[in-house]
Protein backbone atom coordinates (compact mmCIF):
# COMPACT_ATOMS: atom_id res chain seq x y z
CA MET A 1 142.91 135.94 42.64
CA LYS A 2 139.32 137.08 41.06
CA HIS A 3 139.51 133.53 38.90
CA LEU A 4 139.87 131.79 42.43
CA LEU A 5 137.21 133.41 45.04
CA ASN A 6 134.27 132.74 41.64
CA LEU A 7 135.46 129.48 41.89
CA LEU A 8 136.23 128.33 45.90
CA ALA A 9 131.93 130.47 45.34
CA ALA A 10 130.83 128.38 42.58
CA VAL A 11 132.01 125.19 44.47
CA ALA A 12 130.48 126.58 48.17
CA LEU A 13 126.99 127.45 46.01
CA LEU A 14 127.51 123.97 44.60
CA VAL A 15 127.79 122.11 48.72
CA TRP A 16 124.91 124.59 49.38
CA GLY A 17 122.83 123.41 46.70
CA THR A 18 123.10 120.18 47.85
CA HIS A 19 122.52 120.85 51.36
CA LEU A 20 119.33 122.25 50.90
CA VAL A 21 118.33 119.73 48.30
CA ARG A 22 119.61 116.76 51.59
CA THR A 23 117.99 118.25 54.14
CA GLY A 24 115.09 119.08 51.60
CA VAL A 25 113.75 115.67 50.43
CA LEU A 26 113.38 114.51 54.62
CA ARG A 27 111.64 117.11 55.68
CA VAL A 28 109.06 116.19 52.86
CA PHE A 29 109.81 112.81 52.43
CA GLY A 30 112.33 111.38 55.46
CA ALA A 31 109.33 109.69 58.02
CA ASN A 32 108.29 107.18 54.29
CA LEU A 33 112.35 107.32 53.26
CA ARG A 34 113.31 105.29 56.70
CA THR A 35 109.80 103.33 56.46
CA LEU A 36 110.80 102.36 52.43
CA LEU A 37 114.45 101.17 53.96
CA ALA A 38 112.53 99.34 57.27
CA ARG A 39 110.69 97.36 55.32
CA SER A 40 112.92 96.36 52.29
CA MET A 41 115.28 94.09 54.51
CA GLY A 42 113.64 90.56 53.06
CA ASN A 43 117.15 89.80 51.73
CA ARG A 44 120.36 91.39 50.65
CA PHE A 45 119.50 92.61 46.64
CA SER A 46 115.91 94.07 48.09
CA ALA A 47 117.46 96.21 50.73
CA ALA A 48 120.70 96.96 48.43
CA LEU A 49 117.70 98.40 45.97
CA SER A 50 116.26 100.65 48.75
CA GLY A 51 119.54 102.65 49.31
CA ILE A 52 119.55 102.94 45.51
CA GLY A 53 116.59 104.78 45.99
CA VAL A 54 116.27 106.28 49.25
CA THR A 55 120.16 107.76 48.50
CA ALA A 56 118.92 109.01 44.85
CA LEU A 57 116.40 111.32 46.26
CA VAL A 58 118.45 112.49 49.69
CA GLN A 59 121.80 112.83 47.27
CA SER A 60 123.55 111.60 49.85
CA SER A 61 125.01 107.97 51.41
CA THR A 62 126.54 110.25 54.39
CA ALA A 63 122.27 109.93 55.20
CA THR A 64 121.26 106.48 54.64
CA SER A 65 123.91 105.36 56.20
CA LEU A 66 122.97 107.55 58.91
CA MET A 67 119.13 105.72 58.89
CA THR A 68 120.67 102.35 58.25
CA SER A 69 122.82 103.09 61.14
CA SER A 70 120.03 103.97 63.64
CA PHE A 71 118.26 101.15 62.30
CA VAL A 72 120.29 99.00 63.99
CA GLY A 73 121.33 100.60 67.23
CA GLN A 74 117.52 100.55 67.63
CA GLY A 75 118.24 96.17 67.27
CA LEU A 76 115.19 96.77 63.48
CA ILE A 77 117.81 95.26 60.91
CA THR A 78 121.44 93.12 60.63
CA LEU A 79 123.83 94.45 60.28
CA PRO A 80 124.47 92.53 57.25
CA ALA A 81 121.19 94.11 55.41
CA ALA A 82 122.11 97.20 56.93
CA LEU A 83 125.56 96.33 54.58
CA ALA A 84 123.28 95.75 51.64
CA VAL A 85 121.79 99.25 52.01
CA MET A 86 125.45 100.81 51.77
CA ARG A 87 125.67 98.43 48.55
CA GLY A 88 122.56 99.89 47.14
CA ALA A 89 123.04 103.70 48.54
CA ASP A 90 126.26 104.13 46.86
CA ILE A 91 125.40 102.68 43.49
CA GLY A 92 122.12 105.25 44.04
CA THR A 93 124.90 109.14 44.79
CA ALA A 94 126.26 107.43 41.31
CA LEU A 95 123.90 107.51 39.37
CA MET A 96 122.67 111.44 40.62
CA SER A 97 126.27 112.42 40.10
CA VAL A 98 126.02 111.51 36.35
CA LEU A 99 122.07 113.02 35.68
CA PHE A 100 123.85 115.63 37.28
CA SER A 101 127.27 115.99 34.48
CA THR A 102 124.77 116.27 31.34
CA ASP A 103 123.17 119.81 30.38
CA LEU A 104 120.89 120.72 32.69
CA SER A 105 121.67 124.63 32.67
CA TRP A 106 118.46 125.03 31.36
CA LEU A 107 116.75 123.61 33.81
CA SER A 108 118.81 126.07 36.21
CA PRO A 109 117.00 129.15 36.71
CA LEU A 110 113.49 127.58 36.24
CA PHE A 111 114.12 125.86 39.07
CA ILE A 112 114.68 128.54 41.38
CA PHE A 113 112.32 130.79 40.21
CA VAL A 114 109.31 128.20 40.76
CA GLY A 115 111.18 127.29 44.02
CA VAL A 116 112.40 130.78 45.58
CA VAL A 117 108.04 131.13 44.82
CA LEU A 118 107.03 128.27 46.65
CA PHE A 119 109.14 128.59 49.63
CA ILE A 120 108.38 132.53 49.84
CA THR A 121 104.48 131.55 49.39
CA ARG A 122 104.21 129.24 51.81
CA GLN A 123 107.45 128.58 53.39
CA ALA A 124 106.02 126.37 56.44
CA SER A 125 104.00 124.21 53.91
CA THR A 126 104.79 120.41 52.11
CA ALA A 127 104.43 122.65 48.67
CA GLY A 128 107.59 125.47 50.30
CA ARG A 129 110.10 123.05 51.72
CA VAL A 130 109.35 121.04 48.35
CA GLY A 131 110.73 124.63 46.52
CA ARG A 132 113.47 124.18 49.16
CA VAL A 133 114.20 121.09 47.34
CA LEU A 134 113.61 123.04 43.58
CA ILE A 135 115.86 126.14 45.04
CA GLY A 136 119.19 123.45 45.81
CA LEU A 137 118.40 121.54 42.26
CA GLY A 138 118.66 125.20 40.54
CA LEU A 139 121.56 126.16 42.24
CA MET A 140 123.56 122.80 42.15
CA LEU A 141 123.29 123.12 38.48
CA LEU A 142 123.78 126.64 37.69
CA ALA A 143 127.97 126.19 40.35
CA LEU A 144 128.38 123.15 37.55
CA GLU A 145 128.34 126.64 35.06
CA MET A 146 129.67 128.64 37.33
CA VAL A 147 132.94 126.29 37.72
CA VAL A 148 133.65 125.28 34.40
CA GLN A 149 133.76 129.55 33.62
CA ALA A 150 135.63 130.09 36.70
CA SER A 151 138.32 126.68 35.56
CA GLY A 152 139.18 128.13 31.77
CA PRO A 153 141.25 131.24 33.47
CA MET A 154 143.02 129.87 36.02
CA LEU A 155 144.55 126.92 33.31
CA ALA A 156 146.86 130.62 32.78
CA SER A 157 147.90 130.46 36.40
CA PRO A 158 152.08 129.10 36.27
CA ILE A 159 150.37 128.58 40.39
CA ILE A 160 148.33 125.43 39.42
CA ARG A 161 149.86 124.39 37.00
CA ALA A 162 152.89 123.69 39.03
CA MET A 163 149.98 122.23 41.68
CA LEU A 164 148.96 120.25 39.05
CA GLY A 165 151.71 118.43 38.06
CA SER A 166 152.84 117.40 41.54
CA LEU A 167 149.31 115.27 42.07
CA ASN A 168 150.03 113.84 38.80
CA SER A 169 151.79 109.99 38.99
CA ASP A 170 151.14 110.32 41.70
CA LEU A 171 148.06 108.19 42.98
CA VAL A 172 147.70 108.06 47.23
CA MET A 173 147.97 111.90 46.88
CA GLU A 174 145.51 111.91 44.52
CA VAL A 175 142.80 109.41 46.59
CA PHE A 176 143.51 111.01 49.55
CA MET A 177 142.89 114.38 48.55
CA GLY A 178 139.66 113.71 47.34
CA ALA A 179 138.75 111.86 50.57
CA LEU A 180 139.50 114.55 51.98
CA LEU A 181 138.00 117.85 49.75
CA ALA A 182 134.39 114.66 50.36
CA ILE A 183 135.15 115.18 54.52
CA LEU A 184 134.97 119.55 53.65
CA ALA A 185 132.83 119.11 51.65
CA TYR A 186 130.44 117.16 53.62
CA SER A 187 129.30 115.24 50.84
CA SER A 188 131.16 113.28 47.71
CA LEU A 189 128.23 114.27 44.81
CA ALA A 190 129.36 117.41 44.82
CA ILE A 191 132.84 116.79 44.87
CA VAL A 192 132.55 114.50 41.89
CA LEU A 193 130.71 116.70 39.48
CA LEU A 194 133.18 119.54 40.63
CA ILE A 195 135.52 116.81 39.43
CA ALA A 196 134.38 116.14 36.50
CA ALA A 197 133.54 119.28 35.72
CA MET A 198 137.44 121.19 36.19
CA ALA A 199 138.28 117.68 34.17
CA ALA A 200 136.08 119.17 31.28
CA SER A 201 137.98 121.94 32.06
CA SER A 202 141.41 120.93 31.87
CA VAL A 203 141.99 122.28 35.01
CA VAL A 204 143.30 118.33 36.42
CA PRO A 205 144.23 116.28 33.64
CA LEU A 206 141.74 112.77 33.79
CA ASP A 207 144.48 110.69 35.58
CA VAL A 208 144.35 112.98 37.81
CA ALA A 209 140.59 113.15 38.06
CA LEU A 210 140.60 109.68 38.08
CA GLY A 211 142.03 109.35 41.66
CA LEU A 212 140.50 112.12 42.78
CA VAL A 213 137.00 110.11 42.41
CA LEU A 214 138.87 107.57 43.83
CA GLY A 215 139.63 109.83 46.87
CA ALA A 216 136.04 110.54 47.09
CA ASN A 217 134.39 107.45 47.53
CA LEU A 218 136.94 106.43 50.28
CA GLY A 219 136.18 110.28 51.82
CA SER A 220 132.47 109.59 51.97
CA GLY A 221 132.99 105.99 53.96
CA LEU A 222 135.43 108.08 56.32
CA LEU A 223 133.03 110.50 56.83
CA ALA A 224 129.60 108.60 57.71
CA VAL A 225 132.28 107.06 60.62
CA LEU A 226 133.64 110.36 61.80
CA THR A 227 130.11 111.02 61.77
CA THR A 228 129.30 108.75 63.88
CA ALA A 229 132.08 108.42 65.66
CA LYS A 230 130.19 109.09 69.81
CA SER A 231 127.50 106.47 68.67
CA ALA A 232 126.61 103.21 70.13
CA VAL A 233 128.53 99.80 68.98
CA GLU A 234 126.55 98.39 66.85
CA VAL A 235 125.57 101.97 65.55
CA ARG A 236 129.63 102.76 64.35
CA GLN A 237 129.34 99.06 63.02
CA VAL A 238 127.74 100.18 59.75
CA THR A 239 129.78 103.04 59.15
CA VAL A 240 132.75 101.23 59.53
CA GLY A 241 131.68 98.27 57.94
CA ASN A 242 130.75 100.91 55.05
CA LEU A 243 133.87 101.66 54.48
CA VAL A 244 135.86 98.47 54.39
CA PHE A 245 133.54 98.03 51.49
CA LYS A 246 135.39 100.56 49.70
CA LEU A 247 138.63 101.15 51.27
CA MET A 248 138.36 96.94 49.38
CA GLY A 249 137.15 99.37 46.23
CA VAL A 250 139.42 101.77 46.19
CA VAL A 251 142.64 98.76 46.29
CA LEU A 252 141.55 96.77 43.68
CA VAL A 253 140.17 99.26 41.05
CA ALA A 254 142.91 101.88 41.56
CA PRO A 255 145.53 99.56 39.56
CA PHE A 256 142.62 99.83 36.86
CA THR A 257 142.76 103.42 36.25
CA GLY A 258 145.30 102.99 33.73
CA LEU A 259 143.02 100.26 31.32
CA TRP A 260 140.01 102.25 32.01
CA LEU A 261 141.94 105.85 30.25
CA ARG A 262 143.72 103.64 27.57
CA TYR A 263 140.29 101.45 26.23
CA VAL A 264 136.81 103.07 27.45
CA HIS A 265 136.93 106.12 27.67
CA PRO A 266 138.03 107.23 24.33
CA HIS A 267 134.28 105.52 23.80
CA MET A 268 133.24 108.28 25.80
CA PRO A 269 130.82 111.27 24.47
CA GLY A 270 132.79 113.62 26.75
CA THR A 271 134.81 114.10 29.34
CA ALA A 272 133.00 115.10 32.46
CA GLN A 273 131.21 112.03 31.39
CA GLY A 274 133.82 110.08 31.30
CA VAL A 275 134.81 110.59 35.15
CA VAL A 276 131.28 110.20 36.30
CA LEU A 277 130.85 106.80 34.73
CA PHE A 278 134.19 105.62 35.76
CA HIS A 279 132.78 107.27 39.17
CA LEU A 280 129.48 104.68 38.72
CA ALA A 281 131.55 101.93 37.24
CA PHE A 282 133.37 101.71 40.53
CA ASN A 283 130.82 101.47 43.01
CA VAL A 284 128.61 99.33 40.30
CA VAL A 285 131.01 96.59 39.74
CA ILE A 286 132.13 97.05 44.16
CA SER A 287 128.76 97.17 45.05
CA LEU A 288 127.95 93.49 42.54
CA GLY A 289 131.23 92.02 43.54
CA PHE A 290 131.22 92.88 46.87
CA ILE A 291 127.22 92.11 48.30
CA ALA A 292 127.68 88.17 48.68
CA PHE A 293 130.18 89.22 51.52
CA THR A 294 128.26 91.94 53.69
CA GLN A 295 128.10 89.02 56.30
CA TRP A 296 131.51 88.24 56.09
CA VAL A 297 132.33 91.70 56.16
CA ALA A 298 129.39 92.03 59.31
CA LYS A 299 131.38 88.94 61.12
CA ALA A 300 135.25 90.96 61.06
CA VAL A 301 133.40 94.39 62.16
CA ALA A 302 131.57 92.98 65.02
CA ARG A 303 135.63 91.73 66.65
CA LEU A 304 136.39 94.80 65.31
CA LEU A 305 133.96 96.45 67.61
CA PRO A 306 132.64 93.79 70.31
CA PRO A 307 129.55 94.69 71.62
CA PRO A 308 130.24 96.08 75.25
CA GLU A 309 130.05 93.28 77.91
CA GLY A 310 127.13 92.92 80.96
CA PRO A 311 124.06 92.67 80.28
CA PRO A 312 122.63 94.19 77.05
CA SER A 313 120.56 97.15 77.60
CA ARG A 314 116.88 96.15 76.49
CA ARG A 315 115.49 99.57 76.45
CA PRO A 316 115.74 101.10 72.76
CA HIS A 317 117.22 104.75 72.99
CA HIS A 318 114.15 106.46 70.78
CA LEU A 319 117.12 110.11 70.06
CA ASP A 320 117.43 108.91 66.73
CA PRO A 321 120.08 110.90 64.87
CA SER A 322 119.41 110.32 62.01
CA ALA A 323 115.63 111.37 62.43
CA LEU A 324 117.22 115.06 63.19
CA SER A 325 116.76 116.11 59.10
CA THR A 326 112.57 115.48 59.35
CA PRO A 327 112.03 117.44 61.93
CA SER A 328 107.78 115.25 62.30
CA LEU A 329 109.96 112.56 63.17
CA ALA A 330 112.28 113.90 65.16
CA MET A 331 109.51 115.37 67.50
CA SER A 332 108.17 111.07 67.87
CA CYS A 333 111.53 110.25 68.77
CA ALA A 334 111.96 112.87 71.34
CA ALA A 335 108.49 112.44 72.86
CA ARG A 336 108.72 108.77 73.55
CA GLU A 337 111.93 109.50 74.99
CA ALA A 338 110.19 111.93 77.64
CA LEU A 339 108.01 108.97 77.79
CA TYR A 340 109.79 106.72 78.85
CA GLN A 341 111.96 109.42 81.45
CA ALA A 342 108.25 109.46 82.90
CA ASP A 343 107.69 105.57 82.93
CA VAL A 344 110.55 106.12 85.06
CA VAL A 345 110.00 108.88 86.97
CA GLU A 346 106.37 106.42 88.05
CA THR A 347 108.47 103.60 88.94
CA MET A 348 110.76 105.88 91.12
CA LEU A 349 106.85 107.36 92.43
CA LEU A 350 105.11 103.80 93.05
CA GLY A 351 108.45 102.56 95.37
CA VAL A 352 108.13 105.68 98.04
CA LEU A 353 105.37 104.39 99.17
CA ASP A 354 106.59 100.44 99.22
CA VAL A 355 109.52 102.39 101.15
CA ILE A 356 107.41 103.35 104.05
CA ARG A 357 105.78 100.45 104.36
CA LYS A 358 108.44 97.96 104.41
CA ASP A 359 111.02 100.48 106.12
CA ASP A 360 113.00 99.05 102.96
CA GLN A 361 115.94 100.73 103.07
CA GLN A 362 118.43 99.21 99.97
CA LEU A 363 115.27 100.26 97.78
CA ALA A 364 115.75 103.45 99.07
CA GLN A 365 118.44 103.40 97.85
CA GLN A 366 118.30 101.63 94.49
CA LEU A 367 115.42 104.59 93.47
CA ARG A 368 117.77 107.44 94.54
CA LYS A 369 120.30 106.41 92.48
CA MET A 370 117.29 106.21 89.30
CA ASP A 371 117.00 109.67 89.82
CA ASP A 372 120.44 110.34 88.12
CA GLU A 373 118.64 108.63 85.06
CA VAL A 374 115.93 111.16 84.51
CA ASP A 375 118.34 113.25 85.21
CA GLY A 376 120.51 112.35 81.66
CA LEU A 377 117.66 111.29 79.98
CA TYR A 378 116.62 115.39 80.46
CA SER A 379 120.51 116.69 79.38
CA SER A 380 120.19 114.12 76.38
CA ILE A 381 116.73 115.07 75.13
CA LYS A 382 117.53 119.50 75.20
CA TYR A 383 120.67 118.67 73.71
CA TYR A 384 118.28 116.03 70.84
CA LEU A 385 115.95 119.27 71.04
CA THR A 386 118.31 121.67 70.61
CA GLN A 387 119.41 119.96 66.86
CA ILE A 388 116.28 120.51 65.17
CA SER A 389 116.33 123.76 62.75
CA ARG A 390 113.60 125.59 64.45
CA GLU A 391 113.09 127.33 60.46
CA ALA A 392 112.05 123.96 59.98
CA LEU A 393 109.26 123.99 62.12
CA GLY A 394 105.60 124.91 61.74
CA GLU A 395 103.61 126.51 64.82
CA GLU A 396 102.38 123.41 65.66
CA GLU A 397 105.58 122.07 65.61
CA SER A 398 107.31 124.40 67.66
CA ARG A 399 104.13 124.45 70.14
CA ARG A 400 105.30 120.86 70.32
CA TRP A 401 108.83 121.29 70.69
CA THR A 402 108.46 123.95 73.63
CA ASP A 403 105.85 121.19 75.34
CA ILE A 404 108.35 118.83 74.91
CA ILE A 405 111.19 120.77 76.82
CA SER A 406 108.48 121.82 79.23
CA PHE A 407 107.23 117.85 79.78
CA THR A 408 110.55 116.92 80.48
CA ILE A 409 111.92 119.74 83.22
CA ASN A 410 108.47 118.98 84.78
CA MET A 411 109.86 114.96 85.30
CA GLU A 412 112.77 116.25 86.05
CA GLN A 413 112.15 118.39 88.88
CA VAL A 414 109.54 115.45 90.05
CA ALA A 415 112.17 113.15 90.58
CA ASP A 416 114.18 115.60 92.74
CA ILE A 417 111.79 116.01 94.95
CA ILE A 418 111.45 112.42 95.63
CA GLU A 419 114.95 112.05 95.95
CA ARG A 420 114.36 114.20 98.90
CA VAL A 421 111.57 112.47 100.02
CA LEU A 422 113.86 109.11 100.14
CA THR A 423 116.30 110.79 102.24
CA ASP A 424 114.24 111.90 104.69
CA ILE A 425 112.15 108.19 105.04
CA GLU A 426 116.17 107.30 105.61
CA ASP A 427 117.09 109.46 107.76
CA LYS A 428 114.13 110.06 109.63
CA LYS A 429 112.16 107.15 109.42
CA ILE A 430 114.07 103.94 108.59
CA ARG A 431 117.04 105.06 111.05
CA LYS A 432 114.67 106.10 113.83
CA GLY A 433 112.77 102.51 114.20
CA ARG A 434 109.89 105.38 114.10
CA ARG A 435 106.28 104.47 112.20
CA PHE A 436 103.46 106.60 111.01
CA SER A 437 100.06 106.51 112.89
CA ASP A 438 97.34 104.47 111.59
CA ALA A 439 95.48 107.12 110.47
CA GLY A 440 99.07 109.38 109.22
CA MET A 441 99.50 107.02 106.73
CA ALA A 442 96.10 106.39 105.44
CA GLU A 443 96.01 110.03 104.88
CA ILE A 444 99.78 109.35 103.02
CA THR A 445 98.47 106.92 100.82
CA GLU A 446 95.86 108.50 99.60
CA LEU A 447 97.58 111.30 98.46
CA HIS A 448 100.00 108.66 96.90
CA GLY A 449 96.89 107.03 95.42
CA ARG A 450 96.01 109.81 93.98
CA LEU A 451 99.42 111.67 92.49
CA VAL A 452 99.67 108.10 90.80
CA SER A 453 96.36 108.42 89.21
CA ASN A 454 97.44 112.00 88.26
CA LEU A 455 100.89 110.87 86.20
CA ARG A 456 99.10 108.85 84.70
CA LEU A 457 96.64 111.26 83.66
CA GLY A 458 99.21 113.30 82.94
CA MET A 459 101.95 111.69 80.56
CA SER A 460 97.98 111.07 78.62
CA VAL A 461 97.94 115.14 78.31
CA PHE A 462 101.86 114.64 77.31
CA LEU A 463 100.49 112.29 74.39
CA ASN A 464 97.67 112.98 73.49
CA GLY A 465 96.48 116.63 73.75
CA ASN A 466 92.98 116.00 74.90
CA VAL A 467 92.38 119.04 76.34
CA ARG A 468 89.27 117.63 78.51
CA ASP A 469 91.91 115.11 80.37
CA ALA A 470 94.15 118.43 80.64
CA GLN A 471 91.09 120.43 82.39
CA ARG A 472 90.27 116.53 84.54
CA LEU A 473 94.18 116.84 85.52
CA LEU A 474 94.32 120.76 86.62
CA GLU A 475 91.66 120.22 87.99
CA GLU A 476 92.46 117.45 89.90
CA LYS A 477 95.39 120.72 91.61
CA THR A 478 92.11 122.24 93.29
CA ARG A 479 91.08 119.13 95.12
CA PHE A 480 95.40 117.85 95.92
CA ARG A 481 95.85 121.10 97.73
CA ASP A 482 92.78 120.97 99.77
CA LEU A 483 92.91 117.49 100.14
CA GLU A 484 97.00 118.45 102.00
CA ARG A 485 95.37 121.60 104.01
CA ALA A 486 92.27 118.99 105.37
CA TYR A 487 95.27 116.53 106.07
CA ALA A 488 97.46 118.88 107.51
CA ALA A 489 94.96 120.43 110.27
CA THR A 490 93.45 116.93 111.06
CA HIS A 491 97.75 115.70 111.51
CA LEU A 492 97.75 119.20 114.80
CA GLY A 493 94.58 117.72 115.77
CA ARG A 494 96.32 113.99 117.06
CA LEU A 495 99.22 116.52 118.08
CA SER A 496 96.75 117.75 120.43
CA ASP A 497 95.08 114.58 121.39
CA LYS A 498 99.33 113.55 121.84
CA THR A 499 99.42 110.69 119.91
CA VAL A 500 103.01 109.54 120.36
CA GLN A 501 103.47 107.85 116.96
CA SER A 502 102.51 111.98 115.11
CA MET A 503 104.80 113.28 118.00
CA GLU A 504 107.97 111.00 116.31
CA THR A 505 107.57 111.70 112.79
CA SER A 506 105.32 115.36 112.94
CA SER A 507 108.27 116.82 110.81
CA LEU A 508 108.66 113.83 108.16
CA HIS A 509 104.35 113.81 107.79
CA ILE A 510 104.34 116.86 107.44
CA ASP A 511 107.64 117.44 104.59
CA LEU A 512 106.39 114.65 103.75
CA ILE A 513 102.55 115.77 102.38
CA SER A 514 103.99 119.29 101.03
CA ASP A 515 106.37 117.59 98.67
CA LEU A 516 103.23 115.02 97.42
CA LYS A 517 101.55 118.44 96.76
CA ARG A 518 105.01 120.51 95.20
CA ILE A 519 104.91 117.46 93.17
CA ASN A 520 101.29 117.10 91.85
CA SER A 521 101.91 120.95 90.97
CA HIS A 522 104.16 120.27 88.71
CA ILE A 523 102.57 116.75 86.93
CA CYS A 524 99.68 119.38 86.83
CA SER A 525 101.80 121.65 85.03
CA ILE A 526 101.42 119.45 81.49
CA ALA A 527 97.98 120.50 80.99
CA TYR A 528 99.00 124.45 80.92
CA PRO A 529 99.90 124.71 77.18
CA ILE A 530 97.47 122.33 76.44
CA LEU A 531 95.03 124.48 77.36
CA ASP A 532 96.16 127.43 76.82
CA SER A 533 97.24 126.30 73.02
CA ALA A 534 93.71 124.91 72.95
CA GLY A 535 92.39 128.37 74.58
CA ALA A 536 91.38 127.11 77.79
CA LEU A 537 92.53 128.97 79.77
CA ALA A 538 92.08 132.20 81.54
CA PRO A 539 95.35 134.77 82.42
CA SER A 540 94.84 133.45 87.06
CA ARG A 541 92.32 131.35 86.66
CA LEU A 542 90.07 127.63 84.48
CA ARG A 543 87.91 129.30 82.44
CA SER A 544 84.38 127.42 82.45
CA ALA A 545 84.74 125.37 80.09
CA PRO A 546 81.43 122.50 81.59
CA GLU A 547 81.52 118.86 79.86
CA ALA A 548 77.42 119.19 79.69
CA PRO A 549 75.54 122.62 79.56
CA ALA A 550 72.75 123.20 81.03
CA PRO A 551 69.33 123.04 78.97
CA GLY A 552 69.22 127.09 77.80
CA ALA A 553 73.01 127.82 78.72
CA ALA A 554 73.64 128.02 74.79
CA GLY A 555 72.95 131.17 73.97
CA HIS A 556 74.59 132.55 76.75
């Protein structure tokens, strides 16, 4: 039991080390890697080369698959180009398995020591994240050594020998077990290294090890399919197409594993090297042999997973799941989606005045339905942000995380108020055939114009974080409140003068200017986090921050 626990601990350490390296590299270089992928789509061979490079760095073909899938989902690259990237990604992860199979155990203590020093002393900086990568590399090398040490004593167990005997000569079961292990470990690289180490220790026979390697390759494709199961059709087409290539490769190569054992393996420098070189040879042969079929597989997958019927949505969806491992990039994605949410709110707000002027009930209903879209965007952005690792965020990024949440909440509440305003206009004005007085309509138009201007200023403040614009926005809150009070007073004056239109629409008029003030308050709330971060916000009021100091005021 002790030896089994040691082996399980070594496997867990190997998987954890792979995770640290993958997430660490993505956090440091994620944006650059995505740019490299996006710019290498000129032809299938340059796409494949970029796939090799990116996957060699992140040590995960699944991570490369998610990045590439997101590009297809956003319409940035075509499906055949994405499948070409994945052909290179498989070679990249195989190359890393060859590198780690060599005796690098002497590097393990060095990587761990340097990595821990960097991570502890400069945790929030790039150096700290590089330290995280070094810790992961050191743990992977240490775990491989532990696998070899823990595997030896287990050979004496008759139970283990019986289990291995049940796998022998059952290629289908070997492939199934390898695929299952890759899915459970979330890393085919870790599993291939584990299989190589166990084969070197004679824990598994060599022919069984080759079958498990084929299964691990198939499992990495299945893992990507499962990860994107709820994504858009365009995204799923990439992972399914990649799985088709892997399945074709396993079916083609599996019958020839005996030839490898007979003619190739005797020339290998060692058992572990033989296993990982078989893994590399499998991916090189399959990738080079099948790269010409990317167009054919893309067409087949497109027929298998056709895009949904109806007019296609031309709006780019910015919440990219593959960006979650790069916090700064994920924050940018969330901010872009939040700005689109504000665009929808602006459309609703602009339409309110047309509904009032033209008594357009159909437009009112269309605008009210847009509130559902705003609510959906709020939920999506909030869920996306909760998936970003807060531990990986620096102080600036944590503040931005809070700003985005606050902005989306304000936009969602503004949309709710607009929906209620439209309902009141339908019930109290359009259906009853009433009209505002000319003076009342002029007041509403004035408030509405200021509101639209403030919303646009608020969007600029959210995007750029300009302190002076934030101050202007907060000052607008006072001006708007004063206008609302003044217009309420003039409305009461019209009621005293027995103006018929004012008397008929009095309740709606008072409610409307009050709701517009509430909308303005939510918009102006965008300024608070910016001013607070800049130290320009007093506990109860805006600090005096004149744009141009008076002469002689510098010493005050």
